Structure formats: C-alpha cells, structure tokens
Amino acid sequence: MVKTPKELMAIIAPEFTSPKYDVDGAIIVAKIRVDSSLSFAPPEETYNMLIAYLGAHILSIGGRPLGSSGDISSMQVGAVSVTYSTNKTSPKSAMTGLAQTVFGNEYIQQSRPYRFSPTT
C-alpha cells in the first residue's frame, strides 16, 4: 500500500509531528511546488515521497517565505516586518534554496530524473 505524504513525513521527519507544525499546510504548498517543477510524472510512491521531502524542507526553514535565504537581518514589531540577509553568492537555479536543508537536498536528488534540464 502506498503511503500518503503525511505518513511519509512522519517517518522521514518525526520532529514535525508535533501539533505546533502545520504539516497539512506544508504538504499543500509542497504539492503545488512539486507539480510545477516536474516535467515527467513519477510513480505515485515517488511523487508522495517528493511531496514529503519538500514539505519537511518548508517546515525546517521555519516558515520563511520560499525564496528567502540567510538569517534575519532586521525585525520590526509594530506593523510586523522581517528582513532576511541574502547569500553572498548569486543563485544558479531555482533549486539553490533547497540545498539549505537535508530534506531539500534529498528532494533535489530524488526529483532529478523527473525534471527536464536542457543542455547548453
């Protein structure tokens, strides 16, 4: 029987099983991102695993907006404002931010066969 992304997340990232984490929300966002990043449909087991790894990545970056990187460089309490420092190197691809976590790195590795990457 094929496990759901939520069941897989409980296995690969048990630290996020606490009710304080929005696992369902992370899975929804991950599903949208996975669907838009793949060129070829993987088998259902692999698809669910990709969603689980990307969801764990999203939770592990602490809810930072996707695409933000670095530590918090400034914060404001009134009218809430947060600024993140940027990396010193320029990103080479959309996958750069995924390399910040173990889960993101695993997503990169497992999704590689399903992404179209033209050679130049």
Protein backbone atom coordinates (compact mmCIF):
# COMPACT_ATOMS: atom_id res chain seq x y z
CA MET A 1 0.00 0.00 0.00
CA VAL A 2 1.31 3.43 -0.96
CA LYS A 3 1.82 5.80 1.97
CA THR A 4 0.47 9.36 1.87
CA PRO A 5 2.84 12.34 2.01
CA LYS A 6 1.75 12.96 5.62
CA GLU A 7 2.55 9.37 6.62
CA LEU A 8 5.92 9.61 4.91
CA MET A 9 6.73 12.93 6.63
CA ALA A 10 6.12 11.26 9.99
CA ILE A 11 8.79 8.71 9.04
CA ILE A 12 11.42 10.96 7.46
CA ALA A 13 10.89 13.97 9.74
CA PRO A 14 9.34 12.87 13.04
CA GLU A 15 10.36 16.21 14.58
CA PHE A 16 7.46 17.81 12.69
CA THR A 17 4.71 15.54 14.07
CA SER A 18 4.03 17.98 16.92
CA PRO A 19 0.71 19.86 16.60
CA LYS A 20 2.63 23.16 16.57
CA TYR A 21 3.67 22.46 12.95
CA ASP A 22 1.24 22.94 10.08
CA VAL A 23 2.06 19.70 8.28
CA ASP A 24 -1.10 19.84 6.16
CA GLY A 25 -0.28 23.38 5.04
CA ALA A 26 3.30 22.41 4.18
CA ILE A 27 2.01 19.46 2.15
CA ILE A 28 -0.38 21.69 0.19
CA VAL A 29 2.41 24.14 -0.66
CA ALA A 30 4.80 21.28 -1.47
CA LYS A 31 2.27 19.66 -3.80
CA ILE A 32 1.87 22.87 -5.78
CA ARG A 33 5.66 23.30 -6.00
CA VAL A 34 6.25 19.66 -6.98
CA ASP A 35 3.53 19.77 -9.64
CA SER A 36 5.02 22.90 -11.21
CA SER A 37 8.65 21.75 -11.10
CA LEU A 38 8.44 18.32 -12.70
CA SER A 39 8.49 17.64 -16.42
CA PHE A 40 7.62 13.94 -16.14
CA ALA A 41 5.15 12.29 -13.78
CA PRO A 42 6.89 9.96 -11.32
CA PRO A 43 5.25 6.82 -9.91
CA GLU A 44 2.80 7.56 -7.08
CA GLU A 45 5.22 6.32 -4.38
CA THR A 46 7.96 8.65 -5.63
CA TYR A 47 5.53 11.55 -6.07
CA ASN A 48 4.35 11.22 -2.45
CA MET A 49 7.95 10.99 -1.24
CA LEU A 50 8.87 14.17 -3.14
CA ILE A 51 5.96 15.99 -1.53
CA ALA A 52 7.02 14.70 1.90
CA TYR A 53 10.64 15.82 1.46
CA LEU A 54 9.65 19.24 0.13
CA GLY A 55 7.08 19.65 2.92
CA ALA A 56 9.72 18.79 5.53
CA HIS A 57 12.06 21.30 3.88
CA ILE A 58 9.39 24.00 4.11
CA LEU A 59 8.83 23.27 7.80
CA SER A 60 12.56 23.09 8.52
CA ILE A 61 13.19 26.59 7.19
CA GLY A 62 10.82 27.75 9.90
CA GLY A 63 8.04 29.12 7.76
CA ARG A 64 10.30 31.62 5.99
CA PRO A 65 8.88 32.66 2.65
CA LEU A 66 10.09 30.43 -0.17
CA GLY A 67 13.00 32.08 -1.90
CA SER A 68 14.23 33.92 1.20
CA SER A 69 17.63 32.95 2.46
CA GLY A 70 20.01 33.74 5.24
CA ASP A 71 19.39 34.80 8.79
CA ILE A 72 17.01 37.50 9.92
CA SER A 73 18.87 40.79 9.44
CA SER A 74 16.17 43.12 10.77
CA MET A 75 12.84 42.83 12.52
CA GLN A 76 10.12 45.31 13.43
CA VAL A 77 7.30 44.61 15.86
CA GLY A 78 4.82 47.41 15.09
CA ALA A 79 3.22 46.68 11.69
CA VAL A 80 5.32 43.47 11.59
CA SER A 81 8.28 43.48 9.20
CA VAL A 82 11.05 40.91 8.79
CA THR A 83 14.08 41.17 6.50
CA TYR A 84 16.40 38.29 5.69
CA SER A 85 20.04 38.66 4.82
CA THR A 86 20.97 37.36 1.41
CA ASN A 87 23.63 34.89 0.44
CA LYS A 88 26.86 36.37 -0.87
CA THR A 89 26.76 34.21 -3.98
CA SER A 90 24.13 34.52 -6.68
CA PRO A 91 21.74 31.56 -7.07
CA LYS A 92 22.41 29.40 -10.13
CA SER A 93 18.95 27.82 -10.25
CA ALA A 94 15.60 27.59 -8.51
CA MET A 95 17.00 24.59 -6.63
CA THR A 96 19.62 26.66 -4.78
CA GLY A 97 17.40 27.32 -1.73
CA LEU A 98 16.62 23.63 -1.39
CA ALA A 99 20.28 22.90 -0.67
CA GLN A 100 19.89 24.66 2.71
CA THR A 101 18.35 21.57 4.34
CA VAL A 102 18.84 17.82 4.34
CA PHE A 103 15.24 17.43 3.20
CA GLY A 104 15.72 19.87 0.32
CA ASN A 105 18.86 18.08 -0.80
CA GLU A 106 17.01 14.77 -0.79
CA TYR A 107 14.21 16.35 -2.84
CA ILE A 108 16.77 17.55 -5.40
CA GLN A 109 18.28 14.08 -5.70
CA GLN A 110 15.00 12.19 -5.94
CA SER A 111 13.34 14.62 -8.36
CA ARG A 112 16.27 14.84 -10.78
CA PRO A 113 15.05 12.04 -13.11
CA TYR A 114 11.67 13.78 -13.48
CA ARG A 115 12.92 17.28 -14.32
CA PHE A 116 13.72 18.37 -17.86
CA SER A 117 17.05 20.12 -17.96
CA PRO A 118 18.21 21.24 -21.40
CA THR A 119 21.92 21.09 -22.02
CA THR A 120 23.61 24.19 -23.29
